[in-house]
Structure formats: structure tokens, C-alpha cells
Amino acid sequence: HRPIVLVGGGTSKVGDPTGKDESRILLTDEVIKKNTDGISKAFQKFLTFGDSNPNDAIMVNNDDWLSGLKYLQFLRDYGTHFTINRMLSFESVKQRLSREAPFSFLEFNYMILQAYDFLELNRRHNAKLQLGGSDQWGNMISGVELGRRVDGVQLYALTAPLITTSDGKKMGKTAGGAVWLNADKLSEYDYWQFWRNTSDDDVIRFLKLFTELPLEEIERMEGWT
């Protein structure tokens, strides 16, 4: 299997509305370029990129295909495969509307673009499985369905639960709780301080998620509390 890292240089121009009470601030091309470069460097610490081995990872940017789309042709080719009824049924959309928060047409297009990403990844790189956070489930399933309807291919989606603190807050970069892996975003000292100051209620769960300690040893630690 070959990992494909997708950098959202194109979708960043729209902004993911999932779980947000208000519209994201639109970023300039310069800021998007800086962000994508930073994300790319972070992945290079964990994956081997190249062409020397069949399992080497590749990194692609969805700006390569999204920015060149012709709007009317895109609507004709793919718009018929999405229904407003289905899009309104997604939990992230329902929560936003229930709070009577503005939901712009720009943001509403995000899920269509993310679905199209999966189709393009399959066409260009034969991607079959998409991995993501559980908050992206609706968008990812839309991609699976789009691939089946347009190209007749069987695609798959696999999500992982979002990591939250004991009070239910998401550990995300825009939620103000990110533990950055980039030294220019978070110093070694602050990185150490985060784990040192972890709430007692989170310690055991984080030990299971983020360390290589045997589960039996962690279970013994649980008895210390």
C-alpha cells in the first residue's frame, strides 16, 4: 500500500465549516502557501516520501485540480449527484443551522469539493481508502458515493474518533488546543508543559493513545489514583 497525503491548498480557500459556529476567516494565497509548506514538513517526520520503493508516500495538493475547475461544467458534471436534502441531513450542518448561525453558500460547497477530491485521488493515484477524523464522515461518504455514481468504482472511508479532553473539547488547531509538531509553532518546553499539565482525568487515556507503554503497566498505574 502507498500512503497519499492530501494537502488542502484548494479547499483552504473555502474553509471547512464542520463543527464551527461561524464562518472561517478567508485566507490569502500567501498564508495558504505558508500553511501547506508547514504541514508538508510535519508529515516528512513520520513518512518516507519518494519513488525508490513502492510503499513510499506521495504528497499531493488539491489546488492542482480544484483551482482549474470551470464552474458551469463542474455543476453539470457533478452537481446532479448531490441533493440539498442529503446535505442538510449531515449532523455538522444540522448543528450549525440549529444555532441559527449564518451558513454561507461558499462553505456549503466545501463538502462537494472534498467529495470530488476522493474521486480525483482515485483517478490520478488509484486511491481506494480515505482516512480522516470522525467529524469528516459525511464528506468522506459523499466521496465514496460520488466515485460509485460517476466512475463505477468501489471506494472506502475509515474514520477515527476525534481526540478530546475530559471536558469534551476538541484538541484542534482552530479550537485553541493543538499540540503542534512544528517547532516554530510550539517550543520543546511548551510541548513538555502540555503533557506535564494534563488533567488527571486525561492521563490514563493519553498514556494508552500516545505512549508505547504496555497496557498492563498503564492499568497498574490506573490503580494509583
C-alpha atoms as a PDB file:
ATOM      1  CA  HIS A   1       0.000   0.000   0.000  1.00  0.00           C
ATOM      2  CA  ARG A   2       1.144   3.516  -0.748  1.00  0.00           C
ATOM      3  CA  PRO A   3       0.160   6.396   1.585  1.00  0.00           C
ATOM      4  CA  ILE A   4      -1.134   9.511  -0.145  1.00  0.00           C
ATOM      5  CA  VAL A   5      -1.016  12.710   1.908  1.00  0.00           C
ATOM      6  CA  LEU A   6      -3.540  15.257   0.657  1.00  0.00           C
ATOM      7  CA  VAL A   7      -2.752  18.896   1.394  1.00  0.00           C
ATOM      8  CA  GLY A   8      -5.819  21.144   1.154  1.00  0.00           C
ATOM      9  CA  GLY A   9      -4.378  24.104  -0.702  1.00  0.00           C
ATOM     10  CA  GLY A  10      -7.580  24.366  -2.731  1.00  0.00           C
ATOM     11  CA  THR A  11     -10.206  23.677  -0.075  1.00  0.00           C
ATOM     12  CA  SER A  12      -8.413  26.096   2.261  1.00  0.00           C
ATOM     13  CA  LYS A  13      -9.728  28.846   0.017  1.00  0.00           C
ATOM     14  CA  VAL A  14     -13.260  27.832   1.075  1.00  0.00           C
ATOM     15  CA  GLY A  15     -12.815  26.678   4.679  1.00  0.00           C
ATOM     16  CA  ASP A  16     -14.272  23.609   6.352  1.00  0.00           C
ATOM     17  CA  PRO A  17     -17.491  24.579   8.199  1.00  0.00           C
ATOM     18  CA  THR A  18     -17.619  21.337  10.203  1.00  0.00           C
ATOM     19  CA  GLY A  19     -18.196  21.997  13.892  1.00  0.00           C
ATOM     20  CA  LYS A  20     -17.868  25.761  13.546  1.00  0.00           C
ATOM     21  CA  ASP A  21     -20.318  28.316  14.945  1.00  0.00           C
ATOM     22  CA  GLU A  22     -19.250  30.944  12.449  1.00  0.00           C
ATOM     23  CA  SER A  23     -17.578  31.209   9.081  1.00  0.00           C
ATOM     24  CA  ARG A  24     -13.825  30.753   8.948  1.00  0.00           C
ATOM     25  CA  ILE A  25     -11.700  33.751   8.103  1.00  0.00           C
ATOM     26  CA  LEU A  26     -10.763  33.590   4.419  1.00  0.00           C
ATOM     27  CA  LEU A  27      -7.017  33.160   3.988  1.00  0.00           C
ATOM     28  CA  THR A  28      -4.818  34.831   1.419  1.00  0.00           C
ATOM     29  CA  ASP A  29      -2.855  32.756  -1.098  1.00  0.00           C
ATOM     30  CA  GLU A  30       0.344  33.663   0.743  1.00  0.00           C
ATOM     31  CA  VAL A  31      -0.956  32.366   4.084  1.00  0.00           C
ATOM     32  CA  ILE A  32      -2.295  29.185   2.465  1.00  0.00           C
ATOM     33  CA  LYS A  33       1.099  28.558   0.852  1.00  0.00           C
ATOM     34  CA  LYS A  34       2.849  29.035   4.196  1.00  0.00           C
ATOM     35  CA  ASN A  35       0.417  26.682   5.932  1.00  0.00           C
ATOM     36  CA  THR A  36       0.703  23.932   3.325  1.00  0.00           C
ATOM     37  CA  ASP A  37       4.504  24.135   3.446  1.00  0.00           C
ATOM     38  CA  GLY A  38       4.382  23.757   7.237  1.00  0.00           C
ATOM     39  CA  ILE A  39       2.029  20.762   7.062  1.00  0.00           C
ATOM     40  CA  SER A  40       4.245  19.125   4.471  1.00  0.00           C
ATOM     41  CA  LYS A  41       7.314  19.414   6.729  1.00  0.00           C
ATOM     42  CA  ALA A  42       5.402  17.862   9.640  1.00  0.00           C
ATOM     43  CA  PHE A  43       4.467  14.762   7.621  1.00  0.00           C
ATOM     44  CA  GLN A  44       8.056  14.273   6.496  1.00  0.00           C
ATOM     45  CA  LYS A  45       8.953  13.398  10.073  1.00  0.00           C
ATOM     46  CA  PHE A  46       6.670  10.358  10.021  1.00  0.00           C
ATOM     47  CA  LEU A  47       6.534   9.158   6.401  1.00  0.00           C
ATOM     48  CA  THR A  48       9.147   8.401   3.758  1.00  0.00           C
ATOM     49  CA  PHE A  49       8.394  10.231   0.531  1.00  0.00           C
ATOM     50  CA  GLY A  50       9.882   9.271  -2.815  1.00  0.00           C
ATOM     51  CA  ASP A  51       9.823   6.783  -5.675  1.00  0.00           C
ATOM     52  CA  SER A  52      12.559   4.361  -4.696  1.00  0.00           C
ATOM     53  CA  ASN A  53      10.139   1.920  -3.036  1.00  0.00           C
ATOM     54  CA  PRO A  54       6.548   1.006  -3.947  1.00  0.00           C
ATOM     55  CA  ASN A  55       5.434   1.856  -0.401  1.00  0.00           C
ATOM     56  CA  ASP A  56       6.975   5.331  -0.383  1.00  0.00           C
ATOM     57  CA  ALA A  57       4.407   8.023   0.392  1.00  0.00           C
ATOM     58  CA  ILE A  58       3.420  10.748  -2.033  1.00  0.00           C
ATOM     59  CA  MET A  59       2.086  14.206  -1.234  1.00  0.00           C
ATOM     60  CA  VAL A  60      -0.469  15.955  -3.416  1.00  0.00           C
ATOM     61  CA  ASN A  61      -2.225  19.308  -3.222  1.00  0.00           C
ATOM     62  CA  ASN A  62      -5.896  19.547  -4.194  1.00  0.00           C
ATOM     63  CA  ASP A  63      -5.250  23.044  -5.510  1.00  0.00           C
ATOM     64  CA  ASP A  64      -3.742  21.288  -8.543  1.00  0.00           C
ATOM     65  CA  TRP A  65      -7.203  20.207  -9.715  1.00  0.00           C
ATOM     66  CA  LEU A  66      -9.665  22.436  -7.870  1.00  0.00           C
ATOM     67  CA  SER A  67      -8.319  25.809  -8.978  1.00  0.00           C
ATOM     68  CA  GLY A  68      -8.637  24.876 -12.648  1.00  0.00           C
ATOM     69  CA  LEU A  69     -12.281  23.786 -12.497  1.00  0.00           C
ATOM     70  CA  LYS A  70     -14.774  25.525 -14.774  1.00  0.00           C
ATOM     71  CA  TYR A  71     -17.783  26.317 -12.605  1.00  0.00           C
ATOM     72  CA  LEU A  72     -20.625  25.654 -15.050  1.00  0.00           C
ATOM     73  CA  GLN A  73     -19.066  22.463 -16.374  1.00  0.00           C
ATOM     74  CA  PHE A  74     -18.416  21.242 -12.824  1.00  0.00           C
ATOM     75  CA  LEU A  75     -22.053  21.842 -11.866  1.00  0.00           C
ATOM     76  CA  ARG A  76     -23.298  19.983 -14.941  1.00  0.00           C
ATOM     77  CA  ASP A  77     -20.960  17.026 -14.418  1.00  0.00           C
ATOM     78  CA  TYR A  78     -21.230  16.586 -10.658  1.00  0.00           C
ATOM     79  CA  GLY A  79     -23.975  18.803  -9.207  1.00  0.00           C
ATOM     80  CA  THR A  80     -26.693  16.294 -10.074  1.00  0.00           C
ATOM     81  CA  HIS A  81     -25.069  13.714  -7.785  1.00  0.00           C
ATOM     82  CA  PHE A  82     -25.658  15.804  -4.641  1.00  0.00           C
ATOM     83  CA  THR A  83     -29.001  16.684  -3.092  1.00  0.00           C
ATOM     84  CA  ILE A  84     -29.709  19.507  -0.685  1.00  0.00           C
ATOM     85  CA  ASN A  85     -31.878  17.086   1.285  1.00  0.00           C
ATOM     86  CA  ARG A  86     -28.922  14.794   1.947  1.00  0.00           C
ATOM     87  CA  MET A  87     -26.522  17.618   2.692  1.00  0.00           C
ATOM     88  CA  LEU A  88     -28.918  19.100   5.250  1.00  0.00           C
ATOM     89  CA  SER A  89     -29.104  15.717   6.986  1.00  0.00           C
ATOM     90  CA  PHE A  90     -25.428  15.793   7.981  1.00  0.00           C
ATOM     91  CA  GLU A  91     -25.022  16.331  11.703  1.00  0.00           C
ATOM     92  CA  SER A  92     -22.463  19.119  11.287  1.00  0.00           C
ATOM     93  CA  VAL A  93     -24.891  21.065   9.084  1.00  0.00           C
ATOM     94  CA  LYS A  94     -27.874  20.470  11.385  1.00  0.00           C
ATOM     95  CA  GLN A  95     -25.933  21.697  14.406  1.00  0.00           C
ATOM     96  CA  ARG A  96     -24.891  24.857  12.600  1.00  0.00           C
ATOM     97  CA  LEU A  97     -28.448  25.610  11.455  1.00  0.00           C
ATOM     98  CA  SER A  98     -29.946  24.792  14.856  1.00  0.00           C
ATOM     99  CA  ARG A  99     -27.800  27.528  16.366  1.00  0.00           C
ATOM    100  CA  GLU A 100     -29.150  29.905  13.708  1.00  0.00           C
ATOM    101  CA  ALA A 101     -25.573  30.720  12.758  1.00  0.00           C
ATOM    102  CA  PRO A 102     -25.007  32.046   9.226  1.00  0.00           C
ATOM    103  CA  PHE A 103     -24.031  29.290   6.805  1.00  0.00           C
ATOM    104  CA  SER A 104     -22.696  30.776   3.588  1.00  0.00           C
ATOM    105  CA  PHE A 105     -23.062  29.259   0.134  1.00  0.00           C
ATOM    106  CA  LEU A 106     -19.254  29.259  -0.047  1.00  0.00           C
ATOM    107  CA  GLU A 107     -18.999  26.929   2.956  1.00  0.00           C
ATOM    108  CA  PHE A 108     -21.842  24.773   1.663  1.00  0.00           C
ATOM    109  CA  ASN A 109     -19.656  23.936  -1.327  1.00  0.00           C
ATOM    110  CA  TYR A 110     -16.888  22.524   0.873  1.00  0.00           C
ATOM    111  CA  MET A 111     -18.435  19.067   1.177  1.00  0.00           C
ATOM    112  CA  ILE A 112     -18.837  18.841  -2.607  1.00  0.00           C
ATOM    113  CA  LEU A 113     -15.193  19.759  -3.161  1.00  0.00           C
ATOM    114  CA  GLN A 114     -13.992  17.249  -0.567  1.00  0.00           C
ATOM    115  CA  ALA A 115     -16.079  14.528  -2.180  1.00  0.00           C
ATOM    116  CA  TYR A 116     -14.579  15.442  -5.553  1.00  0.00           C
ATOM    117  CA  ASP A 117     -11.097  15.180  -4.023  1.00  0.00           C
ATOM    118  CA  PHE A 118     -11.643  11.458  -3.397  1.00  0.00           C
ATOM    119  CA  LEU A 119     -12.757  10.956  -6.992  1.00  0.00           C
ATOM    120  CA  GLU A 120      -9.657  12.730  -8.295  1.00  0.00           C
ATOM    121  CA  LEU A 121      -7.341  10.807  -5.952  1.00  0.00           C
ATOM    122  CA  ASN A 122      -8.757   7.562  -7.299  1.00  0.00           C
ATOM    123  CA  ARG A 123      -8.391   8.681 -10.904  1.00  0.00           C
ATOM    124  CA  ARG A 124      -4.863  10.025 -10.502  1.00  0.00           C
ATOM    125  CA  HIS A 125      -3.355   7.681  -7.915  1.00  0.00           C
ATOM    126  CA  ASN A 126      -5.798   4.742  -7.646  1.00  0.00           C
ATOM    127  CA  ALA A 127      -6.645   5.681  -4.047  1.00  0.00           C
ATOM    128  CA  LYS A 128      -9.223   3.268  -2.619  1.00  0.00           C
ATOM    129  CA  LEU A 129      -9.366   4.131   1.089  1.00  0.00           C
ATOM    130  CA  GLN A 130      -9.650   7.557   2.696  1.00  0.00           C
ATOM    131  CA  LEU A 131      -8.714   8.082   6.342  1.00  0.00           C
ATOM    132  CA  GLY A 132      -9.953  11.003   8.425  1.00  0.00           C
ATOM    133  CA  GLY A 133     -11.446  12.250  11.649  1.00  0.00           C
ATOM    134  CA  SER A 134     -14.987  11.257  12.584  1.00  0.00           C
ATOM    135  CA  ASP A 135     -16.161  14.830  12.025  1.00  0.00           C
ATOM    136  CA  GLN A 136     -15.437  14.314   8.309  1.00  0.00           C
ATOM    137  CA  TRP A 137     -17.639  11.224   7.962  1.00  0.00           C
ATOM    138  CA  GLY A 138     -20.385  12.892   5.912  1.00  0.00           C
ATOM    139  CA  ASN A 139     -17.939  14.470   3.472  1.00  0.00           C
ATOM    140  CA  MET A 140     -16.000  11.234   3.068  1.00  0.00           C
ATOM    141  CA  ILE A 141     -19.120   9.161   2.427  1.00  0.00           C
ATOM    142  CA  SER A 142     -20.130  11.693  -0.211  1.00  0.00           C
ATOM    143  CA  GLY A 143     -16.826  10.945  -1.929  1.00  0.00           C
ATOM    144  CA  VAL A 144     -17.473   7.211  -1.782  1.00  0.00           C
ATOM    145  CA  GLU A 145     -20.898   7.688  -3.358  1.00  0.00           C
ATOM    146  CA  LEU A 146     -19.567  10.087  -5.996  1.00  0.00           C
ATOM    147  CA  GLY A 147     -16.970   7.549  -7.104  1.00  0.00           C
ATOM    148  CA  ARG A 148     -19.629   4.860  -7.436  1.00  0.00           C
ATOM    149  CA  ARG A 149     -22.056   7.050  -9.366  1.00  0.00           C
ATOM    150  CA  VAL A 150     -19.591   8.728 -11.727  1.00  0.00           C
ATOM    151  CA  ASP A 151     -16.879   6.125 -12.379  1.00  0.00           C
ATOM    152  CA  GLY A 152     -18.493   2.956 -11.034  1.00  0.00           C
ATOM    153  CA  VAL A 153     -15.637   2.347  -8.586  1.00  0.00           C
ATOM    154  CA  GLN A 154     -15.861   0.967  -5.060  1.00  0.00           C
ATOM    155  CA  LEU A 155     -14.206   3.325  -2.595  1.00  0.00           C
ATOM    156  CA  TYR A 156     -13.960   3.115   1.186  1.00  0.00           C
ATOM    157  CA  ALA A 157     -13.823   5.523   4.128  1.00  0.00           C
ATOM    158  CA  LEU A 158     -12.397   4.915   7.590  1.00  0.00           C
ATOM    159  CA  THR A 159     -12.690   7.451  10.397  1.00  0.00           C
ATOM    160  CA  ALA A 160     -11.094   7.705  13.820  1.00  0.00           C
ATOM    161  CA  PRO A 161     -12.748   9.387  16.823  1.00  0.00           C
ATOM    162  CA  LEU A 162     -11.563  12.903  17.485  1.00  0.00           C
ATOM    163  CA  ILE A 163      -9.229  13.245  20.433  1.00  0.00           C
ATOM    164  CA  THR A 164     -10.897  15.378  23.070  1.00  0.00           C
ATOM    165  CA  THR A 165     -10.050  16.426  26.599  1.00  0.00           C
ATOM    166  CA  SER A 166     -12.052  15.158  29.544  1.00  0.00           C
ATOM    167  CA  ASP A 167     -14.402  18.136  29.294  1.00  0.00           C
ATOM    168  CA  GLY A 168     -15.245  17.230  25.690  1.00  0.00           C
ATOM    169  CA  LYS A 169     -13.213  19.934  23.964  1.00  0.00           C
ATOM    170  CA  LYS A 170     -11.598  19.067  20.626  1.00  0.00           C
ATOM    171  CA  MET A 171      -7.802  19.149  20.532  1.00  0.00           C
ATOM    172  CA  GLY A 172      -7.725  21.009  17.223  1.00  0.00           C
ATOM    173  CA  LYS A 173      -5.635  23.847  15.895  1.00  0.00           C
ATOM    174  CA  THR A 174      -8.584  26.209  15.436  1.00  0.00           C
ATOM    175  CA  ALA A 175     -10.097  25.144  18.746  1.00  0.00           C
ATOM    176  CA  GLY A 176      -7.111  26.555  20.603  1.00  0.00           C
ATOM    177  CA  GLY A 177      -5.939  23.226  21.997  1.00  0.00           C
ATOM    178  CA  ALA A 178      -3.480  21.990  19.388  1.00  0.00           C
ATOM    179  CA  VAL A 179      -0.236  20.291  20.324  1.00  0.00           C
ATOM    180  CA  TRP A 180       1.837  21.399  17.355  1.00  0.00           C
ATOM    181  CA  LEU A 181       4.550  19.141  15.956  1.00  0.00           C
ATOM    182  CA  ASN A 182       6.304  22.089  14.316  1.00  0.00           C
ATOM    183  CA  ALA A 183       8.999  23.712  16.442  1.00  0.00           C
ATOM    184  CA  ASP A 184       8.164  27.141  15.061  1.00  0.00           C
ATOM    185  CA  LYS A 185       4.576  26.751  16.337  1.00  0.00           C
ATOM    186  CA  LEU A 186       5.304  25.189  19.734  1.00  0.00           C
ATOM    187  CA  SER A 187       8.608  25.140  21.597  1.00  0.00           C
ATOM    188  CA  GLU A 188      10.008  21.974  23.144  1.00  0.00           C
ATOM    189  CA  TYR A 189       9.390  23.475  26.574  1.00  0.00           C
ATOM    190  CA  ASP A 190       5.725  24.222  25.873  1.00  0.00           C
ATOM    191  CA  TYR A 191       5.336  20.755  24.357  1.00  0.00           C
ATOM    192  CA  TRP A 192       6.661  19.194  27.559  1.00  0.00           C
ATOM    193  CA  GLN A 193       4.500  21.513  29.674  1.00  0.00           C
ATOM    194  CA  PHE A 194       1.351  20.387  27.871  1.00  0.00           C
ATOM    195  CA  TRP A 195       1.855  16.766  28.894  1.00  0.00           C
ATOM    196  CA  ARG A 196       3.112  17.755  32.347  1.00  0.00           C
ATOM    197  CA  ASN A 197      -0.079  19.779  32.982  1.00  0.00           C
ATOM    198  CA  THR A 198      -2.516  17.246  31.557  1.00  0.00           C
ATOM    199  CA  SER A 199      -5.651  16.890  33.660  1.00  0.00           C
ATOM    200  CA  ASP A 200      -5.703  13.842  35.947  1.00  0.00           C
ATOM    201  CA  ASP A 201      -8.854  12.686  34.187  1.00  0.00           C
ATOM    202  CA  ASP A 202      -6.967  12.504  30.865  1.00  0.00           C
ATOM    203  CA  VAL A 203      -3.683  10.931  31.975  1.00  0.00           C
ATOM    204  CA  ILE A 204      -4.581   7.232  31.647  1.00  0.00           C
ATOM    205  CA  ARG A 205      -6.336   7.670  28.293  1.00  0.00           C
ATOM    206  CA  PHE A 206      -3.452   9.717  26.886  1.00  0.00           C
ATOM    207  CA  LEU A 207      -0.914   7.137  28.094  1.00  0.00           C
ATOM    208  CA  LYS A 208      -2.801   4.497  26.091  1.00  0.00           C
ATOM    209  CA  LEU A 209      -3.018   6.712  22.999  1.00  0.00           C
ATOM    210  CA  PHE A 210       0.360   8.412  22.898  1.00  0.00           C
ATOM    211  CA  THR A 211       2.901   6.102  24.566  1.00  0.00           C
ATOM    212  CA  GLU A 212       4.283   2.645  23.857  1.00  0.00           C
ATOM    213  CA  LEU A 213       3.917   1.511  27.450  1.00  0.00           C
ATOM    214  CA  PRO A 214       2.317  -1.953  27.783  1.00  0.00           C
ATOM    215  CA  LEU A 215      -1.399  -1.763  28.581  1.00  0.00           C
ATOM    216  CA  GLU A 216      -0.827  -3.940  31.654  1.00  0.00           C
ATOM    217  CA  GLU A 217       1.577  -1.344  33.069  1.00  0.00           C
ATOM    218  CA  ILE A 218      -0.854   1.500  32.360  1.00  0.00           C
ATOM    219  CA  GLU A 219      -3.630  -0.442  34.068  1.00  0.00           C
ATOM    220  CA  ARG A 220      -1.421  -0.767  37.166  1.00  0.00           C
ATOM    221  CA  MET A 221      -0.892   2.998  37.066  1.00  0.00           C
ATOM    222  CA  GLU A 222      -4.644   3.466  36.966  1.00  0.00           C
ATOM    223  CA  GLY A 223      -4.804   1.840  40.374  1.00  0.00           C
ATOM    224  CA  TRP A 224      -2.585   4.567  41.821  1.00  0.00           C
ATOM    225  CA  THR A 225      -5.374   7.150  41.609  1.00  0.00           C
END
